[in-house]
Protein backbone atom coordinates (compact mmCIF):
# COMPACT_ATOMS: atom_id res chain seq x y z
CA MET A 1 10.62 9.56 -9.20
CA LYS A 2 10.39 12.68 -6.95
CA LEU A 3 11.06 12.04 -3.33
CA ASP A 4 10.20 15.40 -1.83
CA TRP A 5 6.99 13.97 -0.38
CA LEU A 6 9.14 11.82 1.88
CA LYS A 7 11.13 14.64 3.31
CA ASP A 8 9.41 14.90 6.72
CA VAL A 9 10.08 11.24 7.35
CA ALA A 10 13.67 11.52 6.21
CA LEU A 11 14.38 14.49 8.54
CA ASP A 12 12.80 12.90 11.56
CA PRO A 13 15.62 11.74 13.98
CA GLY A 14 13.86 8.53 14.71
CA PRO A 15 14.16 5.76 15.64
CA HIS A 16 11.66 4.44 13.15
CA VAL A 17 9.61 1.35 12.68
CA SER A 18 8.99 0.44 8.99
CA VAL A 19 6.47 -2.25 8.02
CA TYR A 20 5.52 -3.67 4.64
CA VAL A 21 2.82 -6.30 4.50
CA ASP A 22 0.55 -8.04 2.03
CA ALA A 23 -2.91 -6.45 2.83
CA THR A 24 -4.93 -8.54 0.39
CA ARG A 25 -8.20 -9.84 1.74
CA ASN A 26 -9.69 -12.16 -0.82
CA ARG A 27 -10.57 -15.06 1.51
CA GLU A 28 -12.85 -15.34 4.40
CA THR A 29 -10.05 -15.66 6.80
CA GLY A 30 -8.20 -12.60 5.40
CA ALA A 31 -8.94 -10.31 8.38
CA HIS A 32 -8.03 -12.85 10.99
CA ASP A 33 -4.79 -13.71 9.09
CA MET A 34 -3.80 -10.06 8.99
CA GLU A 35 -4.28 -9.74 12.75
CA LEU A 36 -2.29 -12.74 13.50
CA ARG A 37 0.63 -11.65 11.17
CA TRP A 38 0.67 -8.10 12.69
CA GLN A 39 0.72 -9.58 16.23
CA ASP A 40 3.82 -11.82 15.22
CA ALA A 41 5.50 -8.80 13.63
CA ARG A 42 4.75 -6.60 16.64
CA THR A 43 6.22 -9.01 19.00
CA ALA A 44 9.37 -9.42 16.93
CA LEU A 45 9.68 -5.59 16.62
CA ALA A 46 9.25 -5.14 20.38
CA GLY A 47 11.92 -7.78 21.03
CA ARG A 48 14.33 -5.75 18.93
CA GLY A 49 13.77 -2.59 20.90
CA ALA A 50 11.21 -0.81 18.77
CA PRO A 51 9.68 2.16 20.69
CA GLU A 52 6.31 1.19 22.12
CA PRO A 53 4.65 4.60 21.08
CA ALA A 54 5.52 3.69 17.50
CA LEU A 55 3.98 0.27 17.84
CA VAL A 56 0.83 1.71 19.28
CA ALA A 57 0.53 4.04 16.44
CA LEU A 58 0.79 1.15 14.02
CA ASP A 59 -1.81 -0.82 16.00
CA ASP A 60 -4.38 1.75 14.77
CA VAL A 61 -3.84 1.17 11.10
CA ALA A 62 -2.03 -2.27 10.64
CA THR A 63 -5.15 -4.29 10.26
CA ASP A 64 -7.55 -1.79 9.01
CA PRO A 65 -9.74 -2.85 5.96
CA THR A 66 -8.23 -1.51 2.75
CA GLY A 67 -11.57 -1.21 0.87
CA VAL A 68 -9.57 -2.52 -2.12
CA GLY A 69 -10.58 -5.63 -3.97
CA GLY A 70 -7.74 -7.78 -5.29
CA PRO A 71 -4.09 -7.68 -4.40
CA VAL A 72 -2.81 -4.71 -2.34
CA GLY A 73 0.02 -3.95 -0.11
CA ARG A 74 0.48 -1.65 2.89
CA ALA A 75 3.45 0.48 3.81
CA MET A 76 3.60 1.96 7.30
CA VAL A 77 6.37 4.02 9.12
CA ALA A 78 6.18 5.24 12.64
CA SER A 79 8.38 6.84 15.33
CA ALA A 80 8.04 7.64 18.99
CA GLY A 81 6.19 10.70 17.84
CA GLY A 82 3.42 8.67 16.12
CA LEU A 83 2.48 7.45 12.69
CA GLU A 84 4.56 9.06 9.95
CA LEU A 85 3.45 7.34 6.87
CA HIS A 86 0.58 4.92 5.95
CA LEU A 87 0.08 4.09 2.10
CA LEU A 88 -1.63 1.45 0.24
CA LEU A 89 0.50 0.03 -2.59
CA PRO A 90 -0.70 -1.28 -5.90
CA GLY A 91 0.25 -4.89 -5.05
CA PRO A 92 1.88 -6.85 -2.23
CA PRO A 93 5.60 -6.15 -1.51
CA LEU A 94 8.21 -8.49 -2.83
CA ARG A 95 8.39 -9.72 0.73
CA GLU A 96 6.87 -8.72 4.06
CA GLU A 97 9.34 -6.70 6.23
CA ALA A 98 9.24 -5.26 9.67
CA GLU A 99 12.29 -3.33 10.67
CA SER A 100 13.31 -0.96 13.53
CA GLY A 101 16.32 1.31 13.50
CA PRO A 102 17.59 4.84 13.31
CA VAL A 103 16.82 5.28 9.63
CA PRO A 104 13.43 4.70 8.11
CA HIS A 105 13.44 1.76 5.53
CA LEU A 106 11.91 3.47 2.42
CA MET A 107 13.29 1.44 -0.42
CA PRO A 108 10.34 -0.94 -0.62
CA LEU A 109 7.96 1.98 -0.88
CA VAL A 110 10.13 3.36 -3.69
CA ARG A 111 10.27 0.05 -5.41
CA SER A 112 6.47 -0.19 -5.27
CA LEU A 113 5.97 3.22 -6.71
CA ALA A 114 8.86 3.65 -8.95
CA ASP A 115 6.75 3.44 -12.21
CA ASP A 116 4.00 5.71 -10.95
CA VAL A 117 2.81 8.37 -13.33
CA ARG A 118 0.79 11.32 -12.33
CA TYR A 119 -1.80 11.97 -15.15
CA VAL A 120 -5.01 13.64 -16.12
CA LEU A 121 -7.55 12.01 -18.28
CA VAL A 122 -9.87 14.29 -20.28
CA GLU A 123 -13.06 12.60 -21.68
CA LEU A 124 -14.41 15.21 -24.16
CA ASP A 125 -17.66 15.83 -26.09
CA ARG A 126 -19.06 19.00 -27.64
CA ALA A 127 -20.82 20.08 -24.42
CA GLY A 128 -17.86 19.69 -22.14
CA ALA A 129 -15.70 17.08 -20.54
CA ASP A 130 -15.23 14.59 -17.60
CA ILE A 131 -11.84 15.09 -16.03
CA THR A 132 -9.93 12.60 -13.86
CA VAL A 133 -6.85 13.40 -11.94
CA ALA A 134 -5.07 10.14 -10.97
CA ARG A 135 -1.83 8.29 -10.34
CA SER A 136 -1.23 5.05 -12.25
CA ASP A 137 0.18 2.94 -9.43
CA ALA A 138 -1.12 4.58 -6.26
CA VAL A 139 -4.09 3.17 -4.56
CA GLU A 140 -6.08 6.21 -3.83
CA THR A 141 -9.46 7.87 -4.66
CA LYS A 142 -9.26 9.49 -7.95
CA LYS A 143 -10.33 13.09 -8.32
CA LYS A 144 -13.19 13.48 -10.72
CA LEU A 145 -15.02 16.53 -12.07
CA SER A 146 -17.21 17.43 -14.99
CA VAL A 147 -16.99 20.72 -16.87
CA GLU A 148 -20.23 21.82 -18.84
CA GLY A 149 -19.70 24.67 -21.29
CA GLY A 150 -23.36 25.76 -21.16
CA HIS A 151 -23.85 26.16 -24.85
CA ASP A 152 -26.28 23.68 -26.18
CA LEU A 153 -26.19 24.19 -29.99
CA LEU A 154 -24.13 21.10 -30.52
CA HIS A 155 -24.96 19.47 -33.88
CA LYS A 156 -24.66 20.96 -37.40
CA ILE A 157 -27.35 20.10 -39.94
CA PRO A 158 -27.03 19.41 -43.67
CA GLY A 159 -28.32 22.02 -46.17
CA GLY A 160 -27.65 25.34 -47.80
CA GLY A 161 -28.64 28.88 -47.67
CA TRP A 162 -28.01 31.81 -45.30
CA ALA A 163 -30.18 30.30 -42.47
CA ALA A 164 -28.28 26.98 -42.58
CA LEU A 165 -24.98 28.77 -42.63
CA ARG A 166 -25.85 31.06 -39.69
CA TYR A 167 -26.96 27.98 -37.63
CA GLN A 168 -23.78 26.09 -38.45
CA HIS A 169 -21.74 29.17 -37.36
CA ALA A 170 -23.78 29.17 -34.09
CA VAL A 171 -23.09 25.61 -33.52
CA GLN A 172 -19.22 26.13 -34.14
CA ASP A 173 -19.46 29.07 -31.67
CA SER A 174 -21.03 26.67 -29.08
CA TRP A 175 -18.25 24.24 -29.53
CA ASP A 176 -15.60 26.82 -29.12
CA HIS A 177 -17.20 28.31 -25.94
CA ASN A 178 -17.64 24.89 -24.45
CA ALA A 179 -13.97 23.97 -25.37
CA ALA A 180 -12.75 27.21 -23.87
CA ALA A 181 -14.51 26.32 -20.55
CA VAL A 182 -12.77 22.93 -20.47
CA ALA A 183 -9.38 24.49 -21.51
CA ASN A 184 -9.60 27.02 -18.78
CA GLU A 185 -10.39 24.49 -16.10
CA LEU A 186 -7.76 22.10 -17.28
CA ALA A 187 -5.07 24.78 -17.21
CA ASP A 188 -5.76 25.46 -13.56
CA ILE A 189 -5.81 21.60 -12.86
CA VAL A 190 -2.39 21.20 -14.60
CA ARG A 191 -0.79 24.09 -12.75
CA ARG A 192 -2.09 22.70 -9.36
CA GLU A 193 -1.57 19.00 -9.73
CA ARG A 194 1.58 18.96 -11.97
CA PRO A 195 0.77 15.81 -14.02
CA GLU A 196 3.39 14.25 -16.28
CA VAL A 197 0.82 13.85 -19.11
CA VAL A 198 -2.69 14.94 -20.15
CA LEU A 199 -4.58 12.09 -21.84
CA LEU A 200 -7.31 13.35 -24.24
CA THR A 201 -10.03 11.20 -25.67
CA GLY A 202 -13.55 11.59 -27.09
CA ASP A 203 -15.17 13.48 -29.94
CA THR A 204 -12.62 14.40 -32.71
CA LYS A 205 -14.45 17.78 -33.44
CA ALA A 206 -14.56 18.82 -29.88
CA ALA A 207 -10.81 17.79 -29.56
CA ALA A 208 -10.00 20.08 -32.41
CA ALA A 209 -11.88 23.08 -30.81
CA PHE A 210 -10.21 22.16 -27.46
CA ARG A 211 -6.66 22.27 -28.99
CA SER A 212 -7.37 25.79 -30.39
CA LYS A 213 -8.22 26.99 -26.86
CA ALA A 214 -5.70 25.06 -24.67
CA ALA A 215 -2.94 26.89 -22.86
CA PRO A 216 0.62 26.06 -23.66
CA VAL A 217 1.02 24.43 -20.26
CA VAL A 218 -1.53 21.83 -21.33
CA LEU A 219 -0.52 21.44 -24.92
CA ASP A 220 2.97 20.51 -23.92
CA LEU A 221 1.69 17.50 -22.08
CA LEU A 222 -1.13 16.48 -24.32
CA VAL A 223 -1.44 13.09 -25.74
CA GLU A 224 -4.43 11.82 -27.58
CA VAL A 225 -5.78 8.36 -26.73
CA ALA A 226 -8.24 6.57 -28.97
CA GLY A 227 -11.30 4.68 -27.94
CA GLY A 228 -12.70 6.70 -24.95
CA HIS A 229 -16.00 8.41 -24.93
CA ARG A 230 -17.93 10.51 -22.34
CA ALA A 231 -21.13 8.75 -23.06
CA ALA A 232 -21.88 5.07 -22.35
CA GLY A 233 -20.72 2.52 -24.80
CA THR A 234 -16.94 2.68 -24.56
CA ASN A 235 -15.10 -0.64 -24.90
CA GLU A 236 -13.61 -0.32 -21.50
CA GLU A 237 -11.03 -3.09 -21.86
CA ALA A 238 -9.61 -1.70 -25.10
CA PHE A 239 -9.57 1.80 -23.84
CA ALA A 240 -7.76 0.62 -20.63
CA ALA A 241 -5.17 -0.99 -22.78
CA ALA A 242 -4.64 2.25 -24.80
CA VAL A 243 -4.29 4.31 -21.62
CA THR A 244 -1.78 1.71 -20.18
CA GLU A 245 0.15 1.95 -23.40
CA ALA A 246 0.23 5.74 -23.23
CA LEU A 247 1.49 5.67 -19.66
CA ASP A 248 4.17 3.12 -20.53
CA THR A 249 5.37 5.51 -23.15
CA VAL A 250 5.72 8.21 -20.46
CA ARG A 251 7.60 5.87 -18.22
CA ALA A 252 10.14 4.74 -21.00
CA ALA A 253 10.72 8.40 -21.99
CA ARG A 254 11.27 9.40 -18.36
CA ARG A 255 13.75 6.56 -17.82
CA GLN A 256 15.59 7.24 -21.15
CA ALA A 257 15.92 10.89 -20.32
CA VAL A 258 17.72 10.24 -17.09
CA VAL A 259 19.91 7.59 -18.64
CA ASP A 260 20.81 9.89 -21.58
CA ALA A 261 21.70 12.65 -19.24
CA PHE A 262 23.90 10.41 -17.17
CA VAL A 263 25.67 8.83 -20.21
CA GLN A 264 26.37 12.33 -21.64
CA GLU A 265 27.76 13.76 -18.44
CA ARG A 266 29.73 10.62 -17.77
CA GLY A 267 31.22 10.66 -21.19
CA ARG A 268 32.58 14.16 -21.03
CA GLY A 269 33.67 13.83 -17.39
CA GLY A 270 31.04 16.31 -16.30
CA ALA A 271 28.20 16.47 -13.73
CA ALA A 272 27.88 12.63 -13.10
CA ALA A 273 29.16 10.22 -10.43
CA GLU A 274 29.43 6.46 -10.51
CA GLY A 275 30.14 3.69 -8.00
CA LEU A 276 29.03 3.48 -4.41
CA ARG A 277 31.84 5.57 -2.94
CA ASP A 278 31.68 8.49 -5.36
CA VAL A 279 27.90 8.59 -5.30
CA VAL A 280 27.77 8.56 -1.50
CA ALA A 281 30.30 11.47 -1.50
CA ALA A 282 28.04 13.40 -3.84
CA LEU A 283 25.02 12.60 -1.73
CA ARG A 284 26.87 13.95 1.39
CA ARG A 285 27.54 17.21 -0.53
CA GLY A 286 23.84 17.52 -1.56
CA GLN A 287 25.07 17.37 -5.32
CA VAL A 288 22.72 14.54 -6.49
CA ARG A 289 19.92 15.62 -8.78
CA THR A 290 18.82 12.12 -9.86
CA LEU A 291 20.14 8.76 -8.66
CA LEU A 292 20.28 5.88 -11.04
CA LEU A 293 20.12 2.45 -9.26
CA LYS A 294 19.97 -1.14 -10.32
CA ASP A 295 17.64 -2.35 -7.66
CA ASP A 296 18.70 -5.51 -5.85
CA PRO A 297 16.15 -6.50 -3.22
CA SER A 298 18.55 -9.19 -1.96
CA SER A 299 21.40 -6.77 -1.32
CA THR A 300 22.98 -6.80 2.20
CA ASN A 301 25.18 -3.77 1.50
CA THR A 302 25.55 -1.37 4.54
CA LEU A 303 26.61 2.31 4.94
CA PHE A 304 27.37 4.35 7.99
CA THR A 305 25.29 7.44 8.97
CA GLY A 306 24.76 9.93 11.64
CA PRO A 307 21.70 11.81 12.93
CA ASN A 308 21.68 14.04 9.93
CA ALA A 309 20.40 12.45 6.78
CA LEU A 310 23.37 13.67 4.70
CA GLU A 311 25.82 12.44 7.26
CA ILE A 312 26.46 9.30 5.13
CA GLY A 313 29.64 7.37 4.41
CA THR A 314 31.19 4.02 3.38
CA SER A 315 33.26 3.85 6.59
CA VAL A 316 33.24 5.00 10.23
CA GLU A 317 36.31 7.10 9.54
CA GLU A 318 34.54 9.16 6.93
CA LEU A 319 31.96 10.17 9.29
CA ARG A 320 34.30 10.81 12.22
CA THR A 321 36.16 13.15 9.93
CA LEU A 322 32.87 15.11 9.56
CA GLY A 323 32.45 15.34 13.26
CA VAL A 324 30.03 12.50 13.77
CA GLU A 325 30.79 10.98 17.20
CA ASP A 326 28.91 7.66 17.00
CA PRO A 327 28.27 6.59 13.36
CA VAL A 328 25.81 3.70 13.08
CA GLN A 329 25.75 1.03 10.48
CA VAL A 330 22.52 0.65 8.44
CA ARG A 331 21.06 -0.79 5.37
CA ALA A 332 22.74 0.93 2.32
CA ASP A 333 19.44 1.37 0.45
CA ALA A 334 17.79 2.96 3.47
CA ALA A 335 20.55 5.44 4.05
CA ILE A 336 20.57 6.31 0.32
CA VAL A 337 16.81 6.91 0.02
CA ARG A 338 16.87 9.02 3.28
CA ALA A 339 19.64 11.14 1.91
CA LEU A 340 17.82 11.57 -1.43
CA ALA A 341 14.61 12.60 0.15
CA ALA A 342 16.31 15.04 2.52
CA SER A 343 18.10 16.75 -0.38
CA ASP A 344 15.02 16.99 -2.71
CA ALA A 345 16.68 14.67 -5.19
CA GLU A 346 15.04 11.96 -7.43
CA ILE A 347 15.63 8.32 -8.09
CA GLN A 348 15.26 6.26 -11.24
CA LEU A 349 15.53 2.46 -11.24
CA VAL A 350 17.20 1.24 -14.29
CA GLN A 351 17.59 -1.96 -16.21
CA ASP A 352 20.57 -4.14 -16.99
CA GLY A 353 21.22 -2.57 -20.31
CA LEU A 354 23.14 0.34 -18.62
CA ASP A 355 26.68 -0.46 -17.35
CA LEU A 356 26.92 1.00 -13.88
CA GLN A 357 29.82 0.43 -11.35
CA ASP A 358 28.40 -1.02 -8.18
CA GLY A 359 25.00 -0.74 -9.80
CA ILE A 360 24.82 2.97 -8.86
CA GLY A 361 25.19 6.23 -10.55
CA ALA A 362 24.03 9.91 -10.38
CA VAL A 363 23.30 12.89 -12.47
CA LEU A 364 24.67 15.79 -10.39
CA ARG A 365 23.30 19.36 -9.93
CA TYR A 366 26.80 20.66 -10.38
CA ALA A 367 30.37 19.72 -10.64
CA ASP A 368 33.37 21.46 -9.13
CA PRO A 369 37.06 20.67 -8.39
CA ALA A 370 35.95 18.84 -5.22
CA THR A 371 33.63 16.55 -7.03
CA PRO A 372 34.98 12.96 -6.89
């Protein structure tokens, strides 16, 4: 999971107020319940010294209607400068949290979106395509557009003779022109949106024409999914299951690629770090490319940090050696995610099948004689 979109929050000196709540409103009393819960959280935060401007900024969004039916969560981060982050989550957080401190608490957000996949869905027929740009786990409005090729000779007819052959060639030419229009639009979308996969469904003959016109940047990401159609009549439940299966394949491949890279580098004593102390040292030097973490929501581990996101250590002495006069003790996961976001690194949550000292490891950007 890329964390560059959290960089502005990570670089803000704080203090920060971080709040994660269940924003589901499936009962008549839902709105009133949310208001009461926010007031309780606000009172507790104020009692712990949270800056009032941050709380005022959160007042504006904490009880807003989500416009989402069914289970949904809300993530909010604010500082004295105002609202820094407000996102709806694909489900309620594991537990509701409201914290104030020098470091933003971003791990619940990472946990909620760790399996998110950016994708483009192309529902194709011989006239054009409906294209949807979406994220699998983010609660947001999908971007949708239709591409019409403009050539309307779409169906071949049985028969022989030169007239029929010319007509069939004209139809094939229409398919090719329409496919080219879709391919050109999709290449622009892929370059702009940077999806992890492009899902293609619909008419098989149109798909063949599209493949012949598609740019390499699209073909490299293309996965065909059966069961979808541009016209009405799609078995929506079956097609949704097929899309979910395709996205699960992307998630598994993404996770396995990170694990394989780590195991390979660890095995040859290369660009890898393992264990909390060594990974923190690599974070401090900006070496981490991808962090591997066995997520433990119940962890009470702490680290020490300074005003700079990369001023991070396992002891006060480490930071004082770096010139940090007043290190502060914070949640380990909060300090780690802040350092990752500030250094344009990524995070991958991993399963129990991988043996990791302290439940943490990293694939490094480089290794040198000073690497732990």
